[in-house]
Amino acid sequence: MSLLDASQSKPMEGGASFSLGNRMLRVAWGVTWLLLARWTPPPLWGWRRMVLRAFGARVGTGARVYGSTRVWLPANLTLGERALIGPGVHLYNQGAIAIGAYSVISQGAHICASSHDIRDPDFQLVLRPVTIGERCWVAAEAFVGPGVVMGDRSVLAARGALFGKAAPDGVYTGNPAVFLKERGLRRP
């Protein structure tokens, strides 16, 4: 495990939260994304999928990730078939983030899979995976917090902040997000 014990590493005093190997891998990842993907035009979806996979991401067929997307560590990322990660999305995946098939993460959204133990005087980092089901929509500039599970077809409205579970087919809005209504997705 690359996560360090805060009582030993003392991050509140400038120490690291992750092992040297993890930090070096993330430097290599950042440089690679900057040089090979960040500047690429939108139609180069396949190229960016390949770059993500080279660093351990599990990326489904036809998934689309914009060059301006920020991924903390590809090895902690799973994207389903035809998932779309929009421009300026921040996937802060210290913990695992899984996004289901045909789900859309719109521009400027932020998904965070870690937090800190606020009771710990050393402020230990806690990894809390995020799971976004199939055919979900996280709208523009929304925030999905650590440990969240979004049921299939659920929606988080623009600038909403979700910290709990989203039921399948539910539409959530606000900060903190609350249930608004059933999605009522039309069937083909």
N, C-alpha and C. Protein backbone atom coordinates (compact mmCIF):
# COMPACT_ATOMS: atom_id res chain seq x y z
N MET A 1 0.84 -1.19 0.00
CA MET A 1 0.00 0.00 0.00
C MET A 1 0.88 1.24 0.00
N SER A 2 0.57 2.20 -0.83
CA SER A 2 1.41 3.38 -0.95
C SER A 2 0.98 4.51 -0.01
N LEU A 3 -0.16 4.35 0.68
CA LEU A 3 -0.62 5.34 1.64
C LEU A 3 0.20 5.19 2.92
N LEU A 4 0.73 6.30 3.40
CA LEU A 4 1.58 6.27 4.59
C LEU A 4 0.77 6.55 5.85
N ASP A 5 1.27 6.06 6.98
CA ASP A 5 0.67 6.30 8.29
C ASP A 5 1.03 7.73 8.72
N ALA A 6 0.03 8.56 8.89
CA ALA A 6 0.26 9.97 9.22
C ALA A 6 0.99 10.15 10.55
N SER A 7 0.84 9.20 11.48
CA SER A 7 1.55 9.33 12.76
C SER A 7 3.06 9.18 12.57
N GLN A 8 3.45 8.53 11.49
CA GLN A 8 4.88 8.35 11.19
C GLN A 8 5.39 9.42 10.21
N SER A 9 4.60 9.69 9.15
CA SER A 9 5.07 10.59 8.08
C SER A 9 4.83 12.07 8.38
N LYS A 10 3.92 12.36 9.31
CA LYS A 10 3.64 13.73 9.77
C LYS A 10 3.31 14.71 8.63
N PRO A 11 2.23 14.45 7.86
CA PRO A 11 1.89 15.38 6.78
C PRO A 11 1.56 16.79 7.27
N MET A 12 1.08 16.93 8.51
CA MET A 12 0.77 18.26 9.04
C MET A 12 2.05 19.08 9.29
N GLU A 13 3.19 18.38 9.25
CA GLU A 13 4.48 19.06 9.42
C GLU A 13 5.26 19.06 8.11
N GLY A 14 4.57 18.79 7.00
CA GLY A 14 5.23 18.82 5.69
C GLY A 14 5.59 17.46 5.13
N GLY A 15 5.30 16.38 5.89
CA GLY A 15 5.59 15.03 5.41
C GLY A 15 4.61 14.58 4.35
N ALA A 16 4.97 13.50 3.69
CA ALA A 16 4.16 12.98 2.59
C ALA A 16 3.02 12.09 3.09
N SER A 17 1.96 11.99 2.31
CA SER A 17 0.87 11.07 2.59
C SER A 17 1.03 9.77 1.82
N PHE A 18 1.86 9.79 0.76
CA PHE A 18 2.06 8.62 -0.09
C PHE A 18 3.54 8.30 -0.22
N SER A 19 3.81 7.04 -0.55
CA SER A 19 5.19 6.56 -0.68
C SER A 19 5.94 7.30 -1.78
N LEU A 20 7.25 7.23 -1.73
CA LEU A 20 8.09 7.84 -2.75
C LEU A 20 7.79 7.25 -4.12
N GLY A 21 7.59 5.95 -4.19
CA GLY A 21 7.27 5.30 -5.46
C GLY A 21 5.99 5.84 -6.06
N ASN A 22 4.96 6.04 -5.23
CA ASN A 22 3.69 6.60 -5.69
C ASN A 22 3.90 8.02 -6.20
N ARG A 23 4.65 8.80 -5.48
CA ARG A 23 4.89 10.20 -5.88
C ARG A 23 5.67 10.27 -7.18
N MET A 24 6.65 9.39 -7.35
CA MET A 24 7.43 9.38 -8.60
C MET A 24 6.55 8.95 -9.78
N LEU A 25 5.70 7.96 -9.57
CA LEU A 25 4.78 7.53 -10.63
C LEU A 25 3.86 8.67 -11.03
N ARG A 26 3.36 9.43 -10.06
CA ARG A 26 2.47 10.55 -10.38
C ARG A 26 3.19 11.67 -11.11
N VAL A 27 4.47 11.87 -10.82
CA VAL A 27 5.26 12.86 -11.58
C VAL A 27 5.38 12.40 -13.03
N ALA A 28 5.73 11.12 -13.23
CA ALA A 28 5.84 10.57 -14.58
C ALA A 28 4.50 10.68 -15.31
N TRP A 29 3.41 10.37 -14.61
CA TRP A 29 2.08 10.47 -15.19
C TRP A 29 1.79 11.92 -15.61
N GLY A 30 2.02 12.86 -14.72
CA GLY A 30 1.73 14.26 -15.02
C GLY A 30 2.49 14.78 -16.23
N VAL A 31 3.76 14.44 -16.30
CA VAL A 31 4.58 14.86 -17.45
C VAL A 31 4.08 14.20 -18.73
N THR A 32 3.76 12.90 -18.65
CA THR A 32 3.27 12.18 -19.82
C THR A 32 1.97 12.78 -20.32
N TRP A 33 1.01 13.03 -19.42
CA TRP A 33 -0.27 13.60 -19.84
C TRP A 33 -0.07 14.99 -20.46
N LEU A 34 0.80 15.79 -19.83
CA LEU A 34 1.07 17.14 -20.34
C LEU A 34 1.64 17.10 -21.75
N LEU A 35 2.62 16.23 -21.97
CA LEU A 35 3.30 16.18 -23.27
C LEU A 35 2.53 15.44 -24.35
N LEU A 36 1.79 14.39 -23.96
CA LEU A 36 1.17 13.53 -24.97
C LEU A 36 -0.35 13.70 -25.11
N ALA A 37 -1.01 14.32 -24.15
CA ALA A 37 -2.47 14.31 -24.20
C ALA A 37 -3.14 15.64 -23.92
N ARG A 38 -2.64 16.39 -23.00
CA ARG A 38 -3.35 17.60 -22.55
C ARG A 38 -3.66 18.55 -23.69
N TRP A 39 -2.79 18.70 -24.62
CA TRP A 39 -2.94 19.66 -25.71
C TRP A 39 -3.70 19.11 -26.91
N THR A 40 -4.05 17.84 -26.89
CA THR A 40 -4.65 17.21 -28.07
C THR A 40 -6.09 17.67 -28.30
N PRO A 41 -6.49 17.76 -29.57
CA PRO A 41 -7.87 18.17 -29.87
C PRO A 41 -8.88 17.08 -29.50
N PRO A 42 -10.13 17.47 -29.25
CA PRO A 42 -11.14 16.50 -28.81
C PRO A 42 -11.24 15.22 -29.62
N PRO A 43 -11.14 15.22 -30.95
CA PRO A 43 -11.35 13.96 -31.68
C PRO A 43 -10.31 12.85 -31.39
N LEU A 44 -9.25 13.15 -30.68
CA LEU A 44 -8.23 12.13 -30.41
C LEU A 44 -8.56 11.30 -29.17
N TRP A 45 -9.82 10.87 -29.06
CA TRP A 45 -10.28 10.08 -27.92
C TRP A 45 -9.45 8.81 -27.76
N GLY A 46 -9.24 8.10 -28.85
CA GLY A 46 -8.51 6.82 -28.80
C GLY A 46 -7.10 6.99 -28.27
N TRP A 47 -6.43 8.05 -28.68
CA TRP A 47 -5.07 8.32 -28.22
C TRP A 47 -5.06 8.53 -26.70
N ARG A 48 -5.98 9.34 -26.20
CA ARG A 48 -6.01 9.59 -24.76
C ARG A 48 -6.39 8.33 -23.98
N ARG A 49 -7.28 7.49 -24.55
CA ARG A 49 -7.59 6.21 -23.90
C ARG A 49 -6.32 5.37 -23.77
N MET A 50 -5.52 5.35 -24.82
CA MET A 50 -4.28 4.58 -24.81
C MET A 50 -3.31 5.09 -23.74
N VAL A 51 -3.18 6.41 -23.64
CA VAL A 51 -2.28 6.99 -22.64
C VAL A 51 -2.75 6.64 -21.23
N LEU A 52 -4.05 6.74 -20.98
CA LEU A 52 -4.60 6.37 -19.67
C LEU A 52 -4.35 4.89 -19.37
N ARG A 53 -4.60 4.03 -20.34
CA ARG A 53 -4.39 2.59 -20.14
C ARG A 53 -2.93 2.27 -19.87
N ALA A 54 -2.01 2.99 -20.50
CA ALA A 54 -0.58 2.75 -20.29
C ALA A 54 -0.19 2.97 -18.84
N PHE A 55 -0.97 3.78 -18.11
CA PHE A 55 -0.69 4.04 -16.70
C PHE A 55 -1.66 3.30 -15.78
N GLY A 56 -2.36 2.30 -16.32
CA GLY A 56 -3.14 1.40 -15.49
C GLY A 56 -4.63 1.64 -15.41
N ALA A 57 -5.15 2.66 -16.10
CA ALA A 57 -6.60 2.89 -16.08
C ALA A 57 -7.31 1.77 -16.83
N ARG A 58 -8.49 1.42 -16.34
CA ARG A 58 -9.34 0.47 -17.03
C ARG A 58 -10.39 1.29 -17.76
N VAL A 59 -10.27 1.32 -19.09
CA VAL A 59 -11.07 2.22 -19.90
C VAL A 59 -11.87 1.42 -20.92
N GLY A 60 -13.20 1.53 -20.85
CA GLY A 60 -14.08 0.80 -21.75
C GLY A 60 -14.05 1.31 -23.17
N THR A 61 -14.51 0.49 -24.07
CA THR A 61 -14.58 0.81 -25.49
C THR A 61 -15.37 2.09 -25.72
N GLY A 62 -14.81 2.99 -26.48
CA GLY A 62 -15.51 4.20 -26.85
C GLY A 62 -15.60 5.27 -25.78
N ALA A 63 -14.98 5.07 -24.63
CA ALA A 63 -14.98 6.10 -23.59
C ALA A 63 -14.26 7.33 -24.13
N ARG A 64 -14.74 8.50 -23.74
CA ARG A 64 -14.17 9.75 -24.23
C ARG A 64 -13.71 10.60 -23.04
N VAL A 65 -12.45 11.00 -23.08
CA VAL A 65 -11.87 11.83 -22.03
C VAL A 65 -11.21 13.03 -22.71
N TYR A 66 -11.60 14.22 -22.30
CA TYR A 66 -11.00 15.43 -22.86
C TYR A 66 -9.58 15.62 -22.34
N GLY A 67 -8.76 16.30 -23.14
CA GLY A 67 -7.37 16.55 -22.76
C GLY A 67 -7.23 17.42 -21.53
N SER A 68 -8.21 18.27 -21.25
CA SER A 68 -8.13 19.16 -20.09
C SER A 68 -8.56 18.48 -18.79
N THR A 69 -8.97 17.22 -18.87
CA THR A 69 -9.32 16.46 -17.67
C THR A 69 -8.07 16.25 -16.82
N ARG A 70 -8.23 16.30 -15.50
CA ARG A 70 -7.11 16.03 -14.59
C ARG A 70 -7.41 14.74 -13.83
N VAL A 71 -6.52 13.78 -13.98
CA VAL A 71 -6.64 12.48 -13.30
C VAL A 71 -5.45 12.36 -12.36
N TRP A 72 -5.72 12.17 -11.07
CA TRP A 72 -4.66 12.10 -10.08
C TRP A 72 -3.79 10.86 -10.29
N LEU A 73 -4.41 9.68 -10.46
CA LEU A 73 -3.66 8.44 -10.69
C LEU A 73 -4.50 7.49 -11.54
N PRO A 74 -4.12 7.28 -12.80
CA PRO A 74 -4.91 6.43 -13.69
C PRO A 74 -5.18 5.03 -13.15
N ALA A 75 -4.27 4.46 -12.40
CA ALA A 75 -4.46 3.10 -11.89
C ALA A 75 -5.68 2.99 -10.97
N ASN A 76 -6.16 4.12 -10.46
CA ASN A 76 -7.33 4.13 -9.59
C ASN A 76 -8.61 4.53 -10.33
N LEU A 77 -8.58 4.43 -11.67
CA LEU A 77 -9.71 4.87 -12.48
C LEU A 77 -10.28 3.75 -13.33
N THR A 78 -11.60 3.60 -13.30
CA THR A 78 -12.32 2.68 -14.18
C THR A 78 -13.40 3.47 -14.89
N LEU A 79 -13.38 3.40 -16.23
CA LEU A 79 -14.40 4.06 -17.05
C LEU A 79 -15.12 3.01 -17.86
N GLY A 80 -16.44 3.01 -17.80
CA GLY A 80 -17.24 2.07 -18.57
C GLY A 80 -17.31 2.45 -20.04
N GLU A 81 -17.87 1.55 -20.80
CA GLU A 81 -18.06 1.74 -22.23
C GLU A 81 -18.82 3.04 -22.51
N ARG A 82 -18.27 3.84 -23.41
CA ARG A 82 -18.89 5.10 -23.87
C ARG A 82 -19.10 6.15 -22.78
N ALA A 83 -18.42 6.00 -21.65
CA ALA A 83 -18.47 7.06 -20.64
C ALA A 83 -17.83 8.32 -21.22
N LEU A 84 -18.30 9.47 -20.79
CA LEU A 84 -17.77 10.75 -21.27
C LEU A 84 -17.31 11.58 -20.08
N ILE A 85 -16.03 11.98 -20.11
CA ILE A 85 -15.46 12.84 -19.08
C ILE A 85 -15.17 14.18 -19.76
N GLY A 86 -15.95 15.20 -19.41
CA GLY A 86 -15.93 16.48 -20.11
C GLY A 86 -14.71 17.34 -19.81
N PRO A 87 -14.64 18.49 -20.48
CA PRO A 87 -13.50 19.39 -20.31
C PRO A 87 -13.40 19.92 -18.88
N GLY A 88 -12.19 20.01 -18.40
CA GLY A 88 -11.93 20.59 -17.09
C GLY A 88 -12.39 19.76 -15.90
N VAL A 89 -12.77 18.50 -16.12
CA VAL A 89 -13.17 17.64 -15.01
C VAL A 89 -11.94 17.28 -14.18
N HIS A 90 -12.12 17.24 -12.88
CA HIS A 90 -11.03 16.87 -11.96
C HIS A 90 -11.42 15.56 -11.27
N LEU A 91 -10.69 14.49 -11.60
CA LEU A 91 -10.89 13.19 -10.96
C LEU A 91 -9.78 13.03 -9.93
N TYR A 92 -10.09 13.43 -8.70
CA TYR A 92 -9.11 13.38 -7.61
C TYR A 92 -9.20 12.00 -6.98
N ASN A 93 -8.60 11.03 -7.68
CA ASN A 93 -8.77 9.63 -7.33
C ASN A 93 -7.59 9.06 -6.55
N GLN A 94 -7.34 9.64 -5.38
CA GLN A 94 -6.42 9.00 -4.45
C GLN A 94 -6.97 7.64 -4.08
N GLY A 95 -8.27 7.55 -3.91
CA GLY A 95 -9.00 6.29 -3.79
C GLY A 95 -9.60 5.99 -5.15
N ALA A 96 -10.20 4.83 -5.30
CA ALA A 96 -10.73 4.40 -6.59
C ALA A 96 -11.96 5.20 -7.00
N ILE A 97 -12.04 5.51 -8.29
CA ILE A 97 -13.23 6.10 -8.90
C ILE A 97 -13.64 5.19 -10.04
N ALA A 98 -14.90 4.75 -10.02
CA ALA A 98 -15.46 3.92 -11.09
C ALA A 98 -16.67 4.65 -11.66
N ILE A 99 -16.65 4.83 -12.98
CA ILE A 99 -17.73 5.53 -13.68
C ILE A 99 -18.30 4.56 -14.69
N GLY A 100 -19.60 4.30 -14.60
CA GLY A 100 -20.25 3.28 -15.40
C GLY A 100 -20.44 3.65 -16.86
N ALA A 101 -20.85 2.66 -17.62
CA ALA A 101 -21.08 2.80 -19.05
C ALA A 101 -22.11 3.89 -19.34
N TYR A 102 -21.85 4.66 -20.37
CA TYR A 102 -22.75 5.70 -20.87
C TYR A 102 -23.00 6.82 -19.87
N SER A 103 -22.20 6.94 -18.84
CA SER A 103 -22.36 8.04 -17.90
C SER A 103 -21.62 9.27 -18.43
N VAL A 104 -22.11 10.45 -18.04
CA VAL A 104 -21.53 11.71 -18.47
C VAL A 104 -21.12 12.51 -17.25
N ILE A 105 -19.85 12.92 -17.24
CA ILE A 105 -19.35 13.83 -16.21
C ILE A 105 -19.07 15.14 -16.93
N SER A 106 -19.90 16.15 -16.69
CA SER A 106 -19.84 17.39 -17.45
C SER A 106 -18.71 18.31 -17.01
N GLN A 107 -18.51 19.35 -17.82
CA GLN A 107 -17.39 20.28 -17.67
C GLN A 107 -17.30 20.84 -16.25
N GLY A 108 -16.07 20.85 -15.77
CA GLY A 108 -15.77 21.45 -14.49
C GLY A 108 -16.20 20.66 -13.27
N ALA A 109 -16.75 19.47 -13.45
CA ALA A 109 -17.15 18.66 -12.28
C ALA A 109 -15.91 18.17 -11.54
N HIS A 110 -16.09 17.90 -10.27
CA HIS A 110 -14.99 17.46 -9.40
C HIS A 110 -15.46 16.21 -8.64
N ILE A 111 -14.71 15.13 -8.80
CA ILE A 111 -15.02 13.89 -8.09
C ILE A 111 -13.84 13.56 -7.19
N CYS A 112 -14.11 13.41 -5.90
CA CYS A 112 -13.05 13.24 -4.90
C CYS A 112 -13.25 11.94 -4.13
N ALA A 113 -12.22 11.09 -4.12
CA ALA A 113 -12.32 9.77 -3.47
C ALA A 113 -11.43 9.64 -2.24
N SER A 114 -11.26 10.75 -1.52
CA SER A 114 -10.48 10.68 -0.28
C SER A 114 -10.88 11.84 0.63
N SER A 115 -10.53 11.68 1.89
CA SER A 115 -10.77 12.72 2.88
C SER A 115 -9.74 12.54 3.99
N HIS A 116 -9.96 13.16 5.10
CA HIS A 116 -9.07 12.99 6.25
C HIS A 116 -9.89 12.63 7.47
N ASP A 117 -9.27 11.92 8.37
CA ASP A 117 -9.90 11.58 9.65
C ASP A 117 -9.80 12.82 10.53
N ILE A 118 -10.90 13.52 10.71
CA ILE A 118 -10.86 14.79 11.45
C ILE A 118 -10.67 14.59 12.95
N ARG A 119 -10.83 13.35 13.42
CA ARG A 119 -10.60 13.06 14.83
C ARG A 119 -9.14 12.75 15.13
N ASP A 120 -8.37 12.50 14.08
CA ASP A 120 -6.96 12.13 14.23
C ASP A 120 -6.10 13.39 14.28
N PRO A 121 -5.33 13.58 15.35
CA PRO A 121 -4.49 14.78 15.44
C PRO A 121 -3.43 14.84 14.32
N ASP A 122 -3.12 13.68 13.73
CA ASP A 122 -2.16 13.66 12.62
C ASP A 122 -2.85 13.82 11.28
N PHE A 123 -4.21 13.91 11.27
CA PHE A 123 -5.00 14.18 10.07
C PHE A 123 -4.79 13.10 9.01
N GLN A 124 -4.92 11.84 9.42
CA GLN A 124 -4.70 10.70 8.53
C GLN A 124 -5.60 10.77 7.29
N LEU A 125 -4.99 10.58 6.14
CA LEU A 125 -5.75 10.50 4.90
C LEU A 125 -6.55 9.21 4.89
N VAL A 126 -7.80 9.28 4.43
CA VAL A 126 -8.69 8.13 4.37
C VAL A 126 -9.18 8.00 2.93
N LEU A 127 -8.95 6.85 2.32
CA LEU A 127 -9.39 6.62 0.95
C LEU A 127 -10.81 6.10 0.98
N ARG A 128 -11.70 6.73 0.22
CA ARG A 128 -13.12 6.35 0.18
C ARG A 128 -13.57 6.32 -1.27
N PRO A 129 -13.63 5.14 -1.85
CA PRO A 129 -13.94 5.03 -3.28
C PRO A 129 -15.29 5.62 -3.66
N VAL A 130 -15.37 6.09 -4.89
CA VAL A 130 -16.59 6.65 -5.46
C VAL A 130 -17.05 5.74 -6.59
N THR A 131 -18.34 5.42 -6.61
CA THR A 131 -18.91 4.60 -7.68
C THR A 131 -20.07 5.35 -8.30
N ILE A 132 -19.97 5.57 -9.58
CA ILE A 132 -21.03 6.23 -10.36
C ILE A 132 -21.55 5.18 -11.32
N GLY A 133 -22.83 4.86 -11.22
CA GLY A 133 -23.43 3.79 -12.00
C GLY A 133 -23.52 4.08 -13.49
N GLU A 134 -24.26 3.25 -14.19
CA GLU A 134 -24.44 3.40 -15.62
C GLU A 134 -25.48 4.47 -15.94
N ARG A 135 -25.25 5.18 -17.04
CA ARG A 135 -26.15 6.21 -17.57
C ARG A 135 -26.45 7.32 -16.57
N CYS A 136 -25.50 7.61 -15.70
CA CYS A 136 -25.63 8.72 -14.77
C CYS A 136 -25.19 10.02 -15.44
N TRP A 137 -25.57 11.12 -14.83
CA TRP A 137 -25.11 12.43 -15.29
C TRP A 137 -24.71 13.25 -14.08
N VAL A 138 -23.44 13.66 -14.06
CA VAL A 138 -22.94 14.63 -13.09
C VAL A 138 -22.80 15.92 -13.89
N ALA A 139 -23.67 16.90 -13.63
CA ALA A 139 -23.75 18.10 -14.45
C ALA A 139 -22.60 19.07 -14.15
N ALA A 140 -22.57 20.16 -14.90
CA ALA A 140 -21.47 21.12 -14.87
C ALA A 140 -21.15 21.61 -13.46
N GLU A 141 -19.88 21.58 -13.13
CA GLU A 141 -19.31 22.11 -11.89
C GLU A 141 -19.86 21.48 -10.62
N ALA A 142 -20.42 20.29 -10.74
CA ALA A 142 -20.92 19.59 -9.55
C ALA A 142 -19.76 18.92 -8.81
N PHE A 143 -19.99 18.59 -7.54
CA PHE A 143 -18.99 17.93 -6.70
C PHE A 143 -19.57 16.62 -6.18
N VAL A 144 -18.82 15.54 -6.39
CA VAL A 144 -19.19 14.22 -5.85
C VAL A 144 -18.14 13.89 -4.80
N GLY A 145 -18.59 13.73 -3.56
CA GLY A 145 -17.68 13.56 -2.44
C GLY A 145 -17.24 12.13 -2.19
N PRO A 146 -16.30 11.97 -1.27
CA PRO A 146 -15.74 10.66 -0.93
C PRO A 146 -16.80 9.66 -0.49
N GLY A 147 -16.69 8.44 -0.97
CA GLY A 147 -17.57 7.36 -0.56
C GLY A 147 -18.94 7.35 -1.22
N VAL A 148 -19.21 8.28 -2.11
CA VAL A 148 -20.53 8.37 -2.75
C VAL A 148 -20.76 7.21 -3.69
N VAL A 149 -22.00 6.73 -3.70
CA VAL A 149 -22.44 5.74 -4.68
C VAL A 149 -23.66 6.35 -5.37
N MET A 150 -23.55 6.54 -6.68
CA MET A 150 -24.69 7.02 -7.47
C MET A 150 -25.29 5.83 -8.18
N GLY A 151 -26.56 5.55 -7.90
CA GLY A 151 -27.25 4.45 -8.55
C GLY A 151 -27.41 4.70 -10.05
N ASP A 152 -27.61 3.64 -10.80
CA ASP A 152 -27.78 3.75 -12.25
C ASP A 152 -28.81 4.81 -12.60
N ARG A 153 -28.49 5.60 -13.61
CA ARG A 153 -29.38 6.61 -14.20
C ARG A 153 -29.65 7.80 -13.29
N SER A 154 -28.94 7.92 -12.18
CA SER A 154 -29.17 9.08 -11.30
C SER A 154 -28.48 10.32 -11.87
N VAL A 155 -28.92 11.49 -11.40
CA VAL A 155 -28.45 12.77 -11.91
C VAL A 155 -28.09 13.67 -10.73
N LEU A 156 -26.94 14.34 -10.83
CA LEU A 156 -26.58 15.40 -9.90
C LEU A 156 -26.56 16.69 -10.70
N ALA A 157 -27.44 17.64 -10.35
CA ALA A 157 -27.61 18.87 -11.11
C ALA A 157 -26.37 19.77 -11.01
N ALA A 158 -26.31 20.73 -11.90
CA ALA A 158 -25.19 21.67 -11.98
C ALA A 158 -24.91 22.31 -10.62
N ARG A 159 -23.65 22.35 -10.28
CA ARG A 159 -23.12 22.92 -9.03
C ARG A 159 -23.64 22.26 -7.77
N GLY A 160 -24.29 21.11 -7.90
CA GLY A 160 -24.72 20.36 -6.73
C GLY A 160 -23.51 19.73 -6.04
N ALA A 161 -23.68 19.40 -4.78
CA ALA A 161 -22.62 18.75 -4.01
C ALA A 161 -23.22 17.53 -3.32
N LEU A 162 -22.82 16.36 -3.79
CA LEU A 162 -23.40 15.10 -3.29
C LEU A 162 -22.43 14.44 -2.32
N PHE A 163 -22.93 14.14 -1.11
CA PHE A 163 -22.10 13.51 -0.09
C PHE A 163 -22.67 12.18 0.38
N GLY A 164 -23.85 11.81 -0.06
CA GLY A 164 -24.48 10.57 0.33
C GLY A 164 -24.79 9.71 -0.87
N LYS A 165 -25.64 8.75 -0.67
CA LYS A 165 -26.02 7.83 -1.74
C LYS A 165 -27.12 8.46 -2.60
N ALA A 166 -27.00 8.26 -3.91
CA ALA A 166 -28.05 8.71 -4.84
C ALA A 166 -28.78 7.48 -5.35
N ALA A 167 -30.07 7.44 -5.16
CA ALA A 167 -30.87 6.29 -5.58
C ALA A 167 -30.94 6.20 -7.10
N PRO A 168 -31.09 5.00 -7.63
CA PRO A 168 -31.27 4.86 -9.07
C PRO A 168 -32.43 5.73 -9.57
N ASP A 169 -32.21 6.39 -10.70
CA ASP A 169 -33.23 7.24 -11.35
C ASP A 169 -33.56 8.52 -10.59
N GLY A 170 -32.83 8.82 -9.51
CA GLY A 170 -33.10 10.03 -8.75
C GLY A 170 -32.37 11.23 -9.32
N VAL A 171 -33.00 12.40 -9.21
CA VAL A 171 -32.37 13.67 -9.59
C VAL A 171 -32.12 14.43 -8.30
N TYR A 172 -30.89 14.88 -8.12
CA TYR A 172 -30.46 15.55 -6.90
C TYR A 172 -29.93 16.93 -7.23
N THR A 173 -30.20 17.89 -6.35
CA THR A 173 -29.78 19.26 -6.58
C THR A 173 -29.42 19.91 -5.25
N GLY A 174 -28.59 20.95 -5.31
CA GLY A 174 -28.27 21.74 -4.13
C GLY A 174 -26.97 21.33 -3.45
N ASN A 175 -26.68 22.08 -2.37
CA ASN A 175 -25.47 21.83 -1.58
C ASN A 175 -25.83 21.98 -0.10
N PRO A 176 -25.92 20.85 0.61
CA PRO A 176 -25.74 19.48 0.13
C PRO A 176 -26.93 19.05 -0.73
N ALA A 177 -26.64 18.16 -1.67
CA ALA A 177 -27.66 17.72 -2.62
C ALA A 177 -28.79 16.98 -1.91
N VAL A 178 -30.00 17.27 -2.35
CA VAL A 178 -31.20 16.59 -1.86
C VAL A 178 -31.98 16.07 -3.06
N PHE A 179 -32.78 15.05 -2.80
CA PHE A 179 -33.61 14.47 -3.84
C PHE A 179 -34.61 15.51 -4.34
N LEU A 180 -34.71 15.64 -5.67
CA LEU A 180 -35.64 16.58 -6.27
C LEU A 180 -36.84 15.86 -6.88
N LYS A 181 -36.55 14.83 -7.68
CA LYS A 181 -37.62 14.10 -8.37
C LYS A 181 -37.04 12.85 -9.02
N GLU A 182 -37.93 12.04 -9.55
CA GLU A 182 -37.52 10.89 -10.36
C GLU A 182 -37.10 11.39 -11.74
N ARG A 183 -36.10 10.76 -12.30
CA ARG A 183 -35.60 11.18 -13.60
C ARG A 183 -36.62 10.96 -14.72
N GLY A 184 -37.31 9.84 -14.70
CA GLY A 184 -38.30 9.57 -15.74
C GLY A 184 -37.68 9.35 -17.11
N LEU A 185 -36.53 8.68 -17.13
CA LEU A 185 -35.83 8.43 -18.39
C LEU A 185 -36.72 7.64 -19.35
N ARG A 186 -36.89 8.17 -20.57
CA ARG A 186 -37.68 7.49 -21.57
C ARG A 186 -36.97 6.24 -22.05
N ARG A 187 -37.69 5.19 -22.23
CA ARG A 187 -37.12 3.93 -22.74
C ARG A 187 -37.27 3.91 -24.25
N PRO A 188 -36.27 3.40 -24.97
CA PRO A 188 -36.35 3.33 -26.43
C PRO A 188 -37.41 2.37 -26.91
